[in-house]
Amino acid sequence: MDRAAVAFANPDDVVVVLHCYRHRLGYAPSSPPYDQIEKQLAAQPAIKVPAVTLDGLADGNFPATDGSPSARHFSEPRVHHQVPNAGHNLPQEEPSAFASAVLELAHLRSPSGGM
């Protein structure tokens, strides 16, 4: 967390963070140089590789789900987990749960990996 805290020294930090959340929630326009990539991303093509998805149970911005709302975005095997004691920054908040997900993904990708 100390490494992330360095960003708070930037005088534009609050403005940038607020705009980021407003844009993500649809309350602010995107930046014109990124309009084309926004259109491409809006098409949301299926993710065509195995995946492990995670939701933090302590995320105050985006409540955890059982994974079903995003399932349509994946065409290959996918496993979803809810992680206790974590918000939306899982690699820093619960590194062991994140590492376990990476190892689980390696298993999904292996020829003898089940799914």
PDB file of N, CA and C in Angstrom:
ATOM      1  N   MET A   1       0.814  -1.181   0.000  1.00  0.00           N
ATOM      2  CA  MET A   1       0.000   0.000   0.000  1.00  0.00           C
ATOM      3  C   MET A   1       0.869   1.260   0.000  1.00  0.00           C
ATOM      4  N   ASP A   2       2.063   1.169   0.575  1.00  0.00           N
ATOM      5  CA  ASP A   2       2.942   2.339   0.596  1.00  0.00           C
ATOM      6  C   ASP A   2       3.288   2.788  -0.822  1.00  0.00           C
ATOM      7  N   ARG A   3       3.468   1.804  -1.729  1.00  0.00           N
ATOM      8  CA  ARG A   3       3.795   2.167  -3.111  1.00  0.00           C
ATOM      9  C   ARG A   3       2.633   2.900  -3.768  1.00  0.00           C
ATOM     10  N   ALA A   4       1.409   2.482  -3.474  1.00  0.00           N
ATOM     11  CA  ALA A   4       0.240   3.148  -4.051  1.00  0.00           C
ATOM     12  C   ALA A   4       0.057   4.541  -3.465  1.00  0.00           C
ATOM     13  N   ALA A   5       0.447   4.722  -2.208  1.00  0.00           N
ATOM     14  CA  ALA A   5       0.260   6.006  -1.533  1.00  0.00           C
ATOM     15  C   ALA A   5       1.061   7.128  -2.175  1.00  0.00           C
ATOM     16  N   VAL A   6       2.116   6.796  -2.907  1.00  0.00           N
ATOM     17  CA  VAL A   6       2.930   7.813  -3.575  1.00  0.00           C
ATOM     18  C   VAL A   6       2.060   8.650  -4.521  1.00  0.00           C
ATOM     19  N   ALA A   7       1.065   8.031  -5.136  1.00  0.00           N
ATOM     20  CA  ALA A   7       0.189   8.746  -6.073  1.00  0.00           C
ATOM     21  C   ALA A   7      -0.587   9.862  -5.391  1.00  0.00           C
ATOM     22  N   PHE A   8      -0.826   9.729  -4.095  1.00  0.00           N
ATOM     23  CA  PHE A   8      -1.605  10.746  -3.380  1.00  0.00           C
ATOM     24  C   PHE A   8      -0.881  12.089  -3.314  1.00  0.00           C
ATOM     25  N   ALA A   9       0.425  12.105  -3.529  1.00  0.00           N
ATOM     26  CA  ALA A   9       1.192  13.349  -3.501  1.00  0.00           C
ATOM     27  C   ALA A   9       0.956  14.187  -4.758  1.00  0.00           C
ATOM     28  N   ASN A  10       0.398  13.580  -5.796  1.00  0.00           N
ATOM     29  CA  ASN A  10       0.109  14.292  -7.032  1.00  0.00           C
ATOM     30  C   ASN A  10      -1.028  15.282  -6.773  1.00  0.00           C
ATOM     31  N   PRO A  11      -0.848  16.565  -7.070  1.00  0.00           N
ATOM     32  CA  PRO A  11      -1.907  17.547  -6.804  1.00  0.00           C
ATOM     33  C   PRO A  11      -3.187  17.280  -7.598  1.00  0.00           C
ATOM     34  N   ASP A  12      -3.097  16.529  -8.688  1.00  0.00           N
ATOM     35  CA  ASP A  12      -4.282  16.211  -9.491  1.00  0.00           C
ATOM     36  C   ASP A  12      -4.946  14.904  -9.082  1.00  0.00           C
ATOM     37  N   ASP A  13      -4.440  14.248  -8.058  1.00  0.00           N
ATOM     38  CA  ASP A  13      -4.927  12.925  -7.688  1.00  0.00           C
ATOM     39  C   ASP A  13      -6.433  12.897  -7.476  1.00  0.00           C
ATOM     40  N   VAL A  14      -6.972  13.794  -6.692  1.00  0.00           N
ATOM     41  CA  VAL A  14      -8.407  13.770  -6.385  1.00  0.00           C
ATOM     42  C   VAL A  14      -9.228  13.968  -7.656  1.00  0.00           C
ATOM     43  N   VAL A  15      -8.832  14.926  -8.481  1.00  0.00           N
ATOM     44  CA  VAL A  15      -9.562  15.197  -9.724  1.00  0.00           C
ATOM     45  C   VAL A  15      -9.528  13.974 -10.649  1.00  0.00           C
ATOM     46  N   VAL A  16      -8.362  13.368 -10.791  1.00  0.00           N
ATOM     47  CA  VAL A  16      -8.206  12.206 -11.666  1.00  0.00           C
ATOM     48  C   VAL A  16      -9.029  11.025 -11.151  1.00  0.00           C
ATOM     49  N   VAL A  17      -8.950  10.752  -9.875  1.00  0.00           N
ATOM     50  CA  VAL A  17      -9.683   9.618  -9.302  1.00  0.00           C
ATOM     51  C   VAL A  17     -11.190   9.829  -9.425  1.00  0.00           C
ATOM     52  N   LEU A  18     -11.664  11.018  -9.100  1.00  0.00           N
ATOM     53  CA  LEU A  18     -13.101  11.285  -9.213  1.00  0.00           C
ATOM     54  C   LEU A  18     -13.583  11.126 -10.651  1.00  0.00           C
ATOM     55  N   HIS A  19     -12.814  11.650 -11.610  1.00  0.00           N
ATOM     56  CA  HIS A  19     -13.216  11.510 -13.010  1.00  0.00           C
ATOM     57  C   HIS A  19     -13.221  10.036 -13.426  1.00  0.00           C
ATOM     58  N   CYS A  20     -12.238   9.294 -12.979  1.00  0.00           N
ATOM     59  CA  CYS A  20     -12.162   7.867 -13.311  1.00  0.00           C
ATOM     60  C   CYS A  20     -13.423   7.136 -12.859  1.00  0.00           C
ATOM     61  N   TYR A  21     -13.818   7.346 -11.616  1.00  0.00           N
ATOM     62  CA  TYR A  21     -15.021   6.677 -11.114  1.00  0.00           C
ATOM     63  C   TYR A  21     -16.275   7.190 -11.808  1.00  0.00           C
ATOM     64  N   ARG A  22     -16.359   8.475 -12.037  1.00  0.00           N
ATOM     65  CA  ARG A  22     -17.536   9.026 -12.724  1.00  0.00           C
ATOM     66  C   ARG A  22     -17.644   8.454 -14.135  1.00  0.00           C
ATOM     67  N   HIS A  23     -16.515   8.368 -14.835  1.00  0.00           N
ATOM     68  CA  HIS A  23     -16.537   7.811 -16.190  1.00  0.00           C
ATOM     69  C   HIS A  23     -16.922   6.341 -16.158  1.00  0.00           C
ATOM     70  N   ARG A  24     -16.343   5.596 -15.243  1.00  0.00           N
ATOM     71  CA  ARG A  24     -16.626   4.158 -15.151  1.00  0.00           C
ATOM     72  C   ARG A  24     -18.098   3.891 -14.881  1.00  0.00           C
ATOM     73  N   LEU A  25     -18.739   4.778 -14.128  1.00  0.00           N
ATOM     74  CA  LEU A  25     -20.151   4.613 -13.794  1.00  0.00           C
ATOM     75  C   LEU A  25     -21.070   5.308 -14.795  1.00  0.00           C
ATOM     76  N   GLY A  26     -20.502   5.930 -15.829  1.00  0.00           N
ATOM     77  CA  GLY A  26     -21.308   6.555 -16.868  1.00  0.00           C
ATOM     78  C   GLY A  26     -21.749   7.978 -16.578  1.00  0.00           C
ATOM     79  N   TYR A  27     -21.119   8.635 -15.607  1.00  0.00           N
ATOM     80  CA  TYR A  27     -21.502   9.999 -15.241  1.00  0.00           C
ATOM     81  C   TYR A  27     -20.573  11.065 -15.803  1.00  0.00           C
ATOM     82  N   ALA A  28     -19.567  10.676 -16.559  1.00  0.00           N
ATOM     83  CA  ALA A  28     -18.635  11.642 -17.141  1.00  0.00           C
ATOM     84  C   ALA A  28     -18.209  11.135 -18.518  1.00  0.00           C
ATOM     85  N   PRO A  29     -17.974  12.056 -19.458  1.00  0.00           N
ATOM     86  CA  PRO A  29     -17.552  11.635 -20.799  1.00  0.00           C
ATOM     87  C   PRO A  29     -16.112  11.124 -20.786  1.00  0.00           C
ATOM     88  N   SER A  30     -15.798  10.361 -21.829  1.00  0.00           N
ATOM     89  CA  SER A  30     -14.417   9.899 -21.957  1.00  0.00           C
ATOM     90  C   SER A  30     -13.565  11.022 -22.530  1.00  0.00           C
ATOM     91  N   SER A  31     -12.289  10.777 -22.585  1.00  0.00           N
ATOM     92  CA  SER A  31     -11.356  11.729 -23.177  1.00  0.00           C
ATOM     93  C   SER A  31     -11.355  11.498 -24.690  1.00  0.00           C
ATOM     94  N   PRO A  32     -11.534  12.540 -25.514  1.00  0.00           N
ATOM     95  CA  PRO A  32     -11.631  12.360 -26.969  1.00  0.00           C
ATOM     96  C   PRO A  32     -10.533  11.502 -27.606  1.00  0.00           C
ATOM     97  N   PRO A  33      -9.262  11.581 -27.176  1.00  0.00           N
ATOM     98  CA  PRO A  33      -8.260  10.715 -27.816  1.00  0.00           C
ATOM     99  C   PRO A  33      -8.545   9.218 -27.636  1.00  0.00           C
ATOM    100  N   TYR A  34      -9.398   8.879 -26.677  1.00  0.00           N
ATOM    101  CA  TYR A  34      -9.683   7.467 -26.411  1.00  0.00           C
ATOM    102  C   TYR A  34     -11.044   7.027 -26.940  1.00  0.00           C
ATOM    103  N   ASP A  35     -11.746   7.890 -27.689  1.00  0.00           N
ATOM    104  CA  ASP A  35     -13.084   7.550 -28.183  1.00  0.00           C
ATOM    105  C   ASP A  35     -13.100   6.270 -29.015  1.00  0.00           C
ATOM    106  N   GLN A  36     -12.117   6.103 -29.913  1.00  0.00           N
ATOM    107  CA  GLN A  36     -12.104   4.928 -30.785  1.00  0.00           C
ATOM    108  C   GLN A  36     -11.937   3.637 -29.979  1.00  0.00           C
ATOM    109  N   ILE A  37     -11.019   3.632 -29.044  1.00  0.00           N
ATOM    110  CA  ILE A  37     -10.830   2.413 -28.250  1.00  0.00           C
ATOM    111  C   ILE A  37     -12.041   2.168 -27.350  1.00  0.00           C
ATOM    112  N   GLU A  38     -12.705   3.232 -26.906  1.00  0.00           N
ATOM    113  CA  GLU A  38     -13.935   3.079 -26.119  1.00  0.00           C
ATOM    114  C   GLU A  38     -14.982   2.325 -26.936  1.00  0.00           C
ATOM    115  N   LYS A  39     -15.113   2.679 -28.211  1.00  0.00           N
ATOM    116  CA  LYS A  39     -16.087   2.010 -29.081  1.00  0.00           C
ATOM    117  C   LYS A  39     -15.733   0.535 -29.249  1.00  0.00           C
ATOM    118  N   GLN A  40     -14.448   0.247 -29.428  1.00  0.00           N
ATOM    119  CA  GLN A  40     -14.024  -1.146 -29.581  1.00  0.00           C
ATOM    120  C   GLN A  40     -14.296  -1.939 -28.310  1.00  0.00           C
ATOM    121  N   LEU A  41     -13.989  -1.351 -27.174  1.00  0.00           N
ATOM    122  CA  LEU A  41     -14.210  -2.047 -25.909  1.00  0.00           C
ATOM    123  C   LEU A  41     -15.696  -2.229 -25.624  1.00  0.00           C
ATOM    124  N   ALA A  42     -16.522  -1.278 -26.063  1.00  0.00           N
ATOM    125  CA  ALA A  42     -17.964  -1.377 -25.829  1.00  0.00           C
ATOM    126  C   ALA A  42     -18.562  -2.589 -26.540  1.00  0.00           C
ATOM    127  N   ALA A  43     -17.930  -3.029 -27.634  1.00  0.00           N
ATOM    128  CA  ALA A  43     -18.417  -4.212 -28.343  1.00  0.00           C
ATOM    129  C   ALA A  43     -18.277  -5.465 -27.486  1.00  0.00           C
ATOM    130  N   GLN A  44     -17.371  -5.434 -26.553  1.00  0.00           N
ATOM    131  CA  GLN A  44     -17.133  -6.515 -25.598  1.00  0.00           C
ATOM    132  C   GLN A  44     -17.110  -7.904 -26.242  1.00  0.00           C
ATOM    133  N   PRO A  45     -16.106  -8.153 -27.072  1.00  0.00           N
ATOM    134  CA  PRO A  45     -15.993  -9.509 -27.619  1.00  0.00           C
ATOM    135  C   PRO A  45     -15.735 -10.503 -26.490  1.00  0.00           C
ATOM    136  N   ALA A  46     -16.108 -11.745 -26.725  1.00  0.00           N
ATOM    137  CA  ALA A  46     -15.927 -12.774 -25.697  1.00  0.00           C
ATOM    138  C   ALA A  46     -14.448 -12.952 -25.363  1.00  0.00           C
ATOM    139  N   ILE A  47     -14.187 -13.242 -24.124  1.00  0.00           N
ATOM    140  CA  ILE A  47     -12.831 -13.557 -23.669  1.00  0.00           C
ATOM    141  C   ILE A  47     -12.621 -15.034 -23.965  1.00  0.00           C
ATOM    142  N   LYS A  48     -11.674 -15.338 -24.834  1.00  0.00           N
ATOM    143  CA  LYS A  48     -11.528 -16.685 -25.383  1.00  0.00           C
ATOM    144  C   LYS A  48     -10.377 -17.468 -24.775  1.00  0.00           C
ATOM    145  N   VAL A  49     -10.109 -17.234 -23.506  1.00  0.00           N
ATOM    146  CA  VAL A  49      -9.093 -17.996 -22.779  1.00  0.00           C
ATOM    147  C   VAL A  49      -9.685 -18.393 -21.432  1.00  0.00           C
ATOM    148  N   PRO A  50      -9.197 -19.473 -20.822  1.00  0.00           N
ATOM    149  CA  PRO A  50      -9.672 -19.822 -19.480  1.00  0.00           C
ATOM    150  C   PRO A  50      -9.428 -18.666 -18.513  1.00  0.00           C
ATOM    151  N   ALA A  51     -10.284 -18.545 -17.508  1.00  0.00           N
ATOM    152  CA  ALA A  51     -10.167 -17.412 -16.590  1.00  0.00           C
ATOM    153  C   ALA A  51     -10.599 -17.782 -15.179  1.00  0.00           C
ATOM    154  N   VAL A  52      -9.999 -17.104 -14.225  1.00  0.00           N
ATOM    155  CA  VAL A  52     -10.451 -17.127 -12.834  1.00  0.00           C
ATOM    156  C   VAL A  52     -10.803 -15.685 -12.511  1.00  0.00           C
ATOM    157  N   THR A  53     -12.044 -15.446 -12.095  1.00  0.00           N
ATOM    158  CA  THR A  53     -12.467 -14.096 -11.739  1.00  0.00           C
ATOM    159  C   THR A  53     -12.706 -14.027 -10.238  1.00  0.00           C
ATOM    160  N   LEU A  54     -12.470 -12.847  -9.685  1.00  0.00           N
ATOM    161  CA  LEU A  54     -12.558 -12.656  -8.239  1.00  0.00           C
ATOM    162  C   LEU A  54     -13.389 -11.425  -7.913  1.00  0.00           C
ATOM    163  N   ASP A  55     -14.189 -11.518  -6.869  1.00  0.00           N
ATOM    164  CA  ASP A  55     -14.895 -10.371  -6.302  1.00  0.00           C
ATOM    165  C   ASP A  55     -14.513 -10.269  -4.838  1.00  0.00           C
ATOM    166  N   GLY A  56     -14.126  -9.078  -4.405  1.00  0.00           N
ATOM    167  CA  GLY A  56     -13.844  -8.850  -2.993  1.00  0.00           C
ATOM    168  C   GLY A  56     -15.138  -8.601  -2.234  1.00  0.00           C
ATOM    169  N   LEU A  57     -15.333  -9.294  -1.139  1.00  0.00           N
ATOM    170  CA  LEU A  57     -16.561  -9.138  -0.353  1.00  0.00           C
ATOM    171  C   LEU A  57     -16.618  -7.811   0.396  1.00  0.00           C
ATOM    172  N   ALA A  58     -15.500  -7.107   0.488  1.00  0.00           N
ATOM    173  CA  ALA A  58     -15.474  -5.823   1.201  1.00  0.00           C
ATOM    174  C   ALA A  58     -15.371  -4.643   0.236  1.00  0.00           C
ATOM    175  N   ASP A  59     -15.755  -4.846  -1.023  1.00  0.00           N
ATOM    176  CA  ASP A  59     -15.688  -3.774  -2.014  1.00  0.00           C
ATOM    177  C   ASP A  59     -16.899  -2.869  -1.850  1.00  0.00           C
ATOM    178  N   GLY A  60     -16.676  -1.658  -1.374  1.00  0.00           N
ATOM    179  CA  GLY A  60     -17.772  -0.725  -1.154  1.00  0.00           C
ATOM    180  C   GLY A  60     -18.285  -0.073  -2.422  1.00  0.00           C
ATOM    181  N   ASN A  61     -17.566  -0.215  -3.528  1.00  0.00           N
ATOM    182  CA  ASN A  61     -17.988   0.397  -4.789  1.00  0.00           C
ATOM    183  C   ASN A  61     -18.798  -0.547  -5.661  1.00  0.00           C
ATOM    184  N   PHE A  62     -18.367  -1.784  -5.730  1.00  0.00           N
ATOM    185  CA  PHE A  62     -19.007  -2.756  -6.599  1.00  0.00           C
ATOM    186  C   PHE A  62     -19.249  -4.032  -5.794  1.00  0.00           C
ATOM    187  N   PRO A  63     -20.477  -4.240  -5.322  1.00  0.00           N
ATOM    188  CA  PRO A  63     -20.762  -5.396  -4.468  1.00  0.00           C
ATOM    189  C   PRO A  63     -20.409  -6.724  -5.154  1.00  0.00           C
ATOM    190  N   ALA A  64     -19.929  -7.662  -4.361  1.00  0.00           N
ATOM    191  CA  ALA A  64     -19.562  -8.985  -4.872  1.00  0.00           C
ATOM    192  C   ALA A  64     -20.792  -9.698  -5.424  1.00  0.00           C
ATOM    193  N   THR A  65     -20.554 -10.511  -6.443  1.00  0.00           N
ATOM    194  CA  THR A  65     -21.625 -11.313  -7.038  1.00  0.00           C
ATOM    195  C   THR A  65     -21.185 -12.773  -7.048  1.00  0.00           C
ATOM    196  N   ASP A  66     -22.062 -13.617  -7.549  1.00  0.00           N
ATOM    197  CA  ASP A  66     -21.701 -15.024  -7.716  1.00  0.00           C
ATOM    198  C   ASP A  66     -21.001 -15.253  -9.056  1.00  0.00           C
ATOM    199  N   GLY A  67     -20.745 -14.184  -9.779  1.00  0.00           N
ATOM    200  CA  GLY A  67     -20.059 -14.284 -11.063  1.00  0.00           C
ATOM    201  C   GLY A  67     -20.989 -14.364 -12.257  1.00  0.00           C
ATOM    202  N   SER A  68     -22.266 -14.602 -12.024  1.00  0.00           N
ATOM    203  CA  SER A  68     -23.183 -14.773 -13.153  1.00  0.00           C
ATOM    204  C   SER A  68     -23.367 -13.514 -14.004  1.00  0.00           C
ATOM    205  N   PRO A  69     -23.322 -12.289 -13.442  1.00  0.00           N
ATOM    206  CA  PRO A  69     -23.506 -11.120 -14.307  1.00  0.00           C
ATOM    207  C   PRO A  69     -22.447 -10.984 -15.407  1.00  0.00           C
ATOM    208  N   SER A  70     -21.251 -11.469 -15.178  1.00  0.00           N
ATOM    209  CA  SER A  70     -20.200 -11.336 -16.193  1.00  0.00           C
ATOM    210  C   SER A  70     -19.940 -12.632 -16.958  1.00  0.00           C
ATOM    211  N   ALA A  71     -20.649 -13.695 -16.637  1.00  0.00           N
ATOM    212  CA  ALA A  71     -20.391 -14.999 -17.264  1.00  0.00           C
ATOM    213  C   ALA A  71     -20.503 -14.954 -18.786  1.00  0.00           C
ATOM    214  N   ARG A  72     -21.401 -14.139 -19.302  1.00  0.00           N
ATOM    215  CA  ARG A  72     -21.614 -14.080 -20.758  1.00  0.00           C
ATOM    216  C   ARG A  72     -20.392 -13.560 -21.523  1.00  0.00           C
ATOM    217  N   HIS A  73     -19.457 -12.960 -20.822  1.00  0.00           N
ATOM    218  CA  HIS A  73     -18.268 -12.408 -21.479  1.00  0.00           C
ATOM    219  C   HIS A  73     -17.167 -13.451 -21.693  1.00  0.00           C
ATOM    220  N   PHE A  74     -17.378 -14.665 -21.225  1.00  0.00           N
ATOM    221  CA  PHE A  74     -16.345 -15.700 -21.288  1.00  0.00           C
ATOM    222  C   PHE A  74     -16.843 -16.886 -22.106  1.00  0.00           C
ATOM    223  N   SER A  75     -16.026 -17.356 -23.056  1.00  0.00           N
ATOM    224  CA  SER A  75     -16.419 -18.508 -23.865  1.00  0.00           C
ATOM    225  C   SER A  75     -15.631 -19.768 -23.506  1.00  0.00           C
ATOM    226  N   GLU A  76     -14.626 -19.631 -22.674  1.00  0.00           N
ATOM    227  CA  GLU A  76     -13.808 -20.774 -22.253  1.00  0.00           C
ATOM    228  C   GLU A  76     -14.061 -21.044 -20.770  1.00  0.00           C
ATOM    229  N   PRO A  77     -13.484 -22.119 -20.227  1.00  0.00           N
ATOM    230  CA  PRO A  77     -13.702 -22.426 -18.806  1.00  0.00           C
ATOM    231  C   PRO A  77     -13.381 -21.231 -17.912  1.00  0.00           C
ATOM    232  N   ARG A  78     -14.232 -21.042 -16.916  1.00  0.00           N
ATOM    233  CA  ARG A  78     -14.063 -19.914 -15.995  1.00  0.00           C
ATOM    234  C   ARG A  78     -14.524 -20.343 -14.617  1.00  0.00           C
ATOM    235  N   VAL A  79     -13.786 -19.917 -13.616  1.00  0.00           N
ATOM    236  CA  VAL A  79     -14.132 -20.161 -12.213  1.00  0.00           C
ATOM    237  C   VAL A  79     -14.223 -18.799 -11.546  1.00  0.00           C
ATOM    238  N   HIS A  80     -15.197 -18.633 -10.667  1.00  0.00           N
ATOM    239  CA  HIS A  80     -15.371 -17.351  -9.977  1.00  0.00           C
ATOM    240  C   HIS A  80     -15.327 -17.580  -8.468  1.00  0.00           C
ATOM    241  N   HIS A  81     -14.643 -16.674  -7.760  1.00  0.00           N
ATOM    242  CA  HIS A  81     -14.563 -16.757  -6.297  1.00  0.00           C
ATOM    243  C   HIS A  81     -14.884 -15.408  -5.672  1.00  0.00           C
ATOM    244  N   GLN A  82     -15.482 -15.460  -4.505  1.00  0.00           N
ATOM    245  CA  GLN A  82     -15.647 -14.277  -3.668  1.00  0.00           C
ATOM    246  C   GLN A  82     -14.556 -14.339  -2.605  1.00  0.00           C
ATOM    247  N   VAL A  83     -13.869 -13.219  -2.405  1.00  0.00           N
ATOM    248  CA  VAL A  83     -12.724 -13.188  -1.495  1.00  0.00           C
ATOM    249  C   VAL A  83     -13.061 -12.345  -0.265  1.00  0.00           C
ATOM    250  N   PRO A  84     -13.075 -12.982   0.923  1.00  0.00           N
ATOM    251  CA  PRO A  84     -13.338 -12.218   2.147  1.00  0.00           C
ATOM    252  C   PRO A  84     -12.206 -11.233   2.440  1.00  0.00           C
ATOM    253  N   ASN A  85     -12.522 -10.195   3.168  1.00  0.00           N
ATOM    254  CA  ASN A  85     -11.528  -9.211   3.639  1.00  0.00           C
ATOM    255  C   ASN A  85     -10.804  -8.481   2.519  1.00  0.00           C
ATOM    256  N   ALA A  86     -11.429  -8.368   1.356  1.00  0.00           N
ATOM    257  CA  ALA A  86     -10.795  -7.665   0.237  1.00  0.00           C
ATOM    258  C   ALA A  86     -11.819  -6.788  -0.459  1.00  0.00           C
ATOM    259  N   GLY A  87     -11.331  -5.651  -0.950  1.00  0.00           N
ATOM    260  CA  GLY A  87     -12.174  -4.755  -1.729  1.00  0.00           C
ATOM    261  C   GLY A  87     -11.933  -5.007  -3.205  1.00  0.00           C
ATOM    262  N   HIS A  88     -11.620  -3.948  -3.956  1.00  0.00           N
ATOM    263  CA  HIS A  88     -11.404  -4.133  -5.384  1.00  0.00           C
ATOM    264  C   HIS A  88      -9.924  -4.115  -5.763  1.00  0.00           C
ATOM    265  N   ASN A  89      -9.040  -4.129  -4.801  1.00  0.00           N
ATOM    266  CA  ASN A  89      -7.602  -4.192  -5.080  1.00  0.00           C
ATOM    267  C   ASN A  89      -7.050  -5.492  -4.493  1.00  0.00           C
ATOM    268  N   LEU A  90      -7.544  -6.591  -5.005  1.00  0.00           N
ATOM    269  CA  LEU A  90      -7.228  -7.901  -4.441  1.00  0.00           C
ATOM    270  C   LEU A  90      -5.747  -8.256  -4.401  1.00  0.00           C
ATOM    271  N   PRO A  91      -4.942  -7.954  -5.426  1.00  0.00           N
ATOM    272  CA  PRO A  91      -3.530  -8.336  -5.346  1.00  0.00           C
ATOM    273  C   PRO A  91      -2.815  -7.744  -4.135  1.00  0.00           C
ATOM    274  N   GLN A  92      -3.196  -6.535  -3.721  1.00  0.00           N
ATOM    275  CA  GLN A  92      -2.544  -5.925  -2.561  1.00  0.00           C
ATOM    276  C   GLN A  92      -3.270  -6.254  -1.263  1.00  0.00           C
ATOM    277  N   GLU A  93      -4.597  -6.362  -1.309  1.00  0.00           N
ATOM    278  CA  GLU A  93      -5.359  -6.577  -0.082  1.00  0.00           C
ATOM    279  C   GLU A  93      -5.344  -8.031   0.383  1.00  0.00           C
ATOM    280  N   GLU A  94      -5.368  -8.958  -0.545  1.00  0.00           N
ATOM    281  CA  GLU A  94      -5.342 -10.392  -0.214  1.00  0.00           C
ATOM    282  C   GLU A  94      -4.414 -11.117  -1.192  1.00  0.00           C
ATOM    283  N   PRO A  95      -3.101 -10.883  -1.078  1.00  0.00           N
ATOM    284  CA  PRO A  95      -2.169 -11.460  -2.052  1.00  0.00           C
ATOM    285  C   PRO A  95      -2.204 -12.979  -2.121  1.00  0.00           C
ATOM    286  N   SER A  96      -2.470 -13.664  -1.003  1.00  0.00           N
ATOM    287  CA  SER A  96      -2.492 -15.135  -1.097  1.00  0.00           C
ATOM    288  C   SER A  96      -3.686 -15.633  -1.889  1.00  0.00           C
ATOM    289  N   ALA A  97      -4.837 -14.965  -1.758  1.00  0.00           N
ATOM    290  CA  ALA A  97      -6.009 -15.355  -2.548  1.00  0.00           C
ATOM    291  C   ALA A  97      -5.748 -15.093  -4.032  1.00  0.00           C
ATOM    292  N   PHE A  98      -5.080 -13.983  -4.319  1.00  0.00           N
ATOM    293  CA  PHE A  98      -4.755 -13.657  -5.706  1.00  0.00           C
ATOM    294  C   PHE A  98      -3.775 -14.687  -6.271  1.00  0.00           C
ATOM    295  N   ALA A  99      -2.746 -15.027  -5.513  1.00  0.00           N
ATOM    296  CA  ALA A  99      -1.767 -16.027  -5.961  1.00  0.00           C
ATOM    297  C   ALA A  99      -2.440 -17.379  -6.176  1.00  0.00           C
ATOM    298  N   SER A 100      -3.361 -17.741  -5.305  1.00  0.00           N
ATOM    299  CA  SER A 100      -4.097 -19.001  -5.469  1.00  0.00           C
ATOM    300  C   SER A 100      -4.888 -18.999  -6.771  1.00  0.00           C
ATOM    301  N   ALA A 101      -5.466 -17.851  -7.114  1.00  0.00           N
ATOM    302  CA  ALA A 101      -6.222 -17.749  -8.365  1.00  0.00           C
ATOM    303  C   ALA A 101      -5.305 -17.930  -9.571  1.00  0.00           C
ATOM    304  N   VAL A 102      -4.103 -17.376  -9.503  1.00  0.00           N
ATOM    305  CA  VAL A 102      -3.138 -17.538 -10.596  1.00  0.00           C
ATOM    306  C   VAL A 102      -2.774 -19.014 -10.749  1.00  0.00           C
ATOM    307  N   LEU A 103      -2.530 -19.695  -9.635  1.00  0.00           N
ATOM    308  CA  LEU A 103      -2.200 -21.122  -9.697  1.00  0.00           C
ATOM    309  C   LEU A 103      -3.385 -21.936 -10.210  1.00  0.00           C
ATOM    310  N   GLU A 104      -4.585 -21.552  -9.810  1.00  0.00           N
ATOM    311  CA  GLU A 104      -5.786 -22.238 -10.297  1.00  0.00           C
ATOM    312  C   GLU A 104      -5.919 -22.049 -11.807  1.00  0.00           C
ATOM    313  N   LEU A 105      -5.609 -20.870 -12.282  1.00  0.00           N
ATOM    314  CA  LEU A 105      -5.667 -20.604 -13.719  1.00  0.00           C
ATOM    315  C   LEU A 105      -4.664 -21.482 -14.461  1.00  0.00           C
ATOM    316  N   ALA A 106      -3.490 -21.648 -13.916  1.00  0.00           N
ATOM    317  CA  ALA A 106      -2.496 -22.522 -14.545  1.00  0.00           C
ATOM    318  C   ALA A 106      -3.046 -23.941 -14.661  1.00  0.00           C
ATOM    319  N   HIS A 107      -3.805 -24.376 -13.672  1.00  0.00           N
ATOM    320  CA  HIS A 107      -4.421 -25.705 -13.700  1.00  0.00           C
ATOM    321  C   HIS A 107      -5.504 -25.760 -14.781  1.00  0.00           C
ATOM    322  N   LEU A 108      -6.299 -24.704 -14.905  1.00  0.00           N
ATOM    323  CA  LEU A 108      -7.346 -24.671 -15.931  1.00  0.00           C
ATOM    324  C   LEU A 108      -6.747 -24.751 -17.326  1.00  0.00           C
ATOM    325  N   ARG A 109      -5.574 -24.164 -17.493  1.00  0.00           N
ATOM    326  CA  ARG A 109      -4.941 -24.101 -18.809  1.00  0.00           C
ATOM    327  C   ARG A 109      -4.193 -25.382 -19.164  1.00  0.00           C
ATOM    328  N   SER A 110      -3.879 -26.191 -18.157  1.00  0.00           N
ATOM    329  CA  SER A 110      -3.092 -27.392 -18.447  1.00  0.00           C
ATOM    330  C   SER A 110      -3.960 -28.432 -19.149  1.00  0.00           C
ATOM    331  N   PRO A 111      -3.351 -29.270 -19.986  1.00  0.00           N
ATOM    332  CA  PRO A 111      -4.121 -30.282 -20.709  1.00  0.00           C
ATOM    333  C   PRO A 111      -4.894 -31.217 -19.784  1.00  0.00           C
ATOM    334  N   SER A 112      -4.368 -31.480 -18.596  1.00  0.00           N
ATOM    335  CA  SER A 112      -5.064 -32.380 -17.674  1.00  0.00           C
ATOM    336  C   SER A 112      -5.809 -31.598 -16.601  1.00  0.00           C
ATOM    337  N   GLY A 113      -6.079 -30.337 -16.868  1.00  0.00           N
ATOM    338  CA  GLY A 113      -6.623 -29.435 -15.863  1.00  0.00           C
ATOM    339  C   GLY A 113      -8.086 -29.553 -15.545  1.00  0.00           C
ATOM    340  N   GLY A 114      -8.754 -30.599 -15.868  1.00  0.00           N
ATOM    341  CA  GLY A 114     -10.167 -30.662 -15.511  1.00  0.00           C
ATOM    342  C   GLY A 114     -11.001 -29.953 -16.555  1.00  0.00           C
ATOM    343  N   MET A 115     -11.780 -29.044 -16.160  1.00  0.00           N
ATOM    344  CA  MET A 115     -12.711 -28.277 -16.989  1.00  0.00           C
ATOM    345  C   MET A 115     -12.428 -28.467 -18.437  1.00  0.00           C
TER     346      MET A 115
END
